[in-house]
Amino acid sequence: MFQELKPTVWIGKQGCSDTLIEEIRLQLKQRKAIKIKWLRNTEVDADEIARRAGAALVGVRGRTMVLAEKRKGSGRA
């Protein structure tokens, strides 16, 4: 299902800033699920990004993660 999803957020060498978290939140409201990629030399904690964005971590493969909007009324996606 998420294979067709194109990455809409890229994390660069500066890492995941508060501005980037806000962009992730905005895109999740619009799209319900987004794909995020990051550079090879960038350290990324997918669980931490999901927590900061208030999103559910669907999966991580290589340097790509998929986040989904959390459903209302439950702590799960």
Protein backbone atom coordinates (compact mmCIF):
# COMPACT_ATOMS: atom_id res chain seq x y z
CA MET A 1 0.00 0.00 0.00
CA PHE A 2 2.72 2.49 0.94
CA GLN A 3 5.07 1.50 -1.90
CA GLU A 4 3.25 3.92 -4.23
CA LEU A 5 3.57 6.77 -1.72
CA LYS A 6 6.15 9.34 -2.85
CA PRO A 7 8.42 10.98 -0.27
CA THR A 8 7.22 14.49 0.55
CA VAL A 9 9.62 15.31 3.40
CA TRP A 10 13.40 15.02 3.30
CA ILE A 11 15.61 15.31 6.38
CA GLY A 12 18.99 16.86 5.64
CA LYS A 13 22.23 17.09 7.58
CA GLN A 14 20.71 19.65 9.99
CA GLY A 15 18.44 16.89 11.31
CA CYS A 16 14.80 17.20 12.28
CA SER A 17 14.09 20.78 13.39
CA ASP A 18 10.91 22.10 15.01
CA THR A 19 10.04 23.68 11.64
CA LEU A 20 10.29 20.28 9.97
CA ILE A 21 8.07 18.73 12.66
CA GLU A 22 5.45 21.42 11.96
CA GLU A 23 5.65 20.63 8.24
CA ILE A 24 5.15 16.92 9.00
CA ARG A 25 2.07 17.73 11.12
CA LEU A 26 0.64 19.92 8.36
CA GLN A 27 1.17 17.25 5.70
CA LEU A 28 -0.36 14.54 7.90
CA LYS A 29 -3.53 16.61 8.26
CA GLN A 30 -3.72 16.94 4.47
CA ARG A 31 -2.64 13.46 3.41
CA LYS A 32 -3.25 11.12 6.43
CA ALA A 33 0.03 9.30 5.63
CA ILE A 34 3.41 10.59 4.45
CA LYS A 35 6.76 9.14 3.48
CA ILE A 36 9.94 10.71 4.86
CA LYS A 37 13.49 10.11 3.59
CA TRP A 38 16.80 11.19 5.06
CA LEU A 39 20.42 11.50 3.97
CA ARG A 40 22.85 8.63 4.47
CA ASN A 41 25.04 10.65 6.85
CA THR A 42 22.10 11.88 8.96
CA GLU A 43 21.23 10.28 12.30
CA VAL A 44 17.43 9.87 12.57
CA ASP A 45 15.32 8.38 15.38
CA ALA A 46 12.05 7.48 13.66
CA ASP A 47 10.23 6.81 16.95
CA GLU A 48 11.23 10.23 18.29
CA ILE A 49 10.09 12.02 15.12
CA ALA A 50 6.74 10.23 15.25
CA ARG A 51 6.33 11.17 18.92
CA ARG A 52 7.22 14.83 18.33
CA ALA A 53 4.83 15.02 15.37
CA GLY A 54 2.01 13.27 17.24
CA ALA A 55 1.93 10.63 14.53
CA ALA A 56 1.93 6.84 14.32
CA LEU A 57 5.06 5.22 12.93
CA VAL A 58 3.86 2.78 10.27
CA GLY A 59 7.28 1.46 9.30
CA VAL A 60 10.94 2.07 8.58
CA ARG A 61 12.90 0.60 5.70
CA GLY A 62 16.45 1.72 5.05
CA ARG A 63 16.50 5.54 5.17
CA THR A 64 12.74 5.87 4.66
CA MET A 65 9.87 5.97 7.14
CA VAL A 66 6.11 6.18 6.80
CA LEU A 67 4.07 8.13 9.33
CA ALA A 68 0.30 8.13 9.61
CA GLU A 69 -2.10 10.43 11.39
CA LYS A 70 -3.15 8.99 14.74
CA ARG A 71 -6.81 8.07 14.92
CA LYS A 72 -8.96 10.04 17.30
CA GLY A 73 -9.82 8.29 20.54
CA SER A 74 -7.00 5.76 20.43
CA GLY A 75 -3.28 5.86 20.78
CA ARG A 76 -2.86 3.74 17.68
CA ALA A 77 -2.89 4.31 13.95
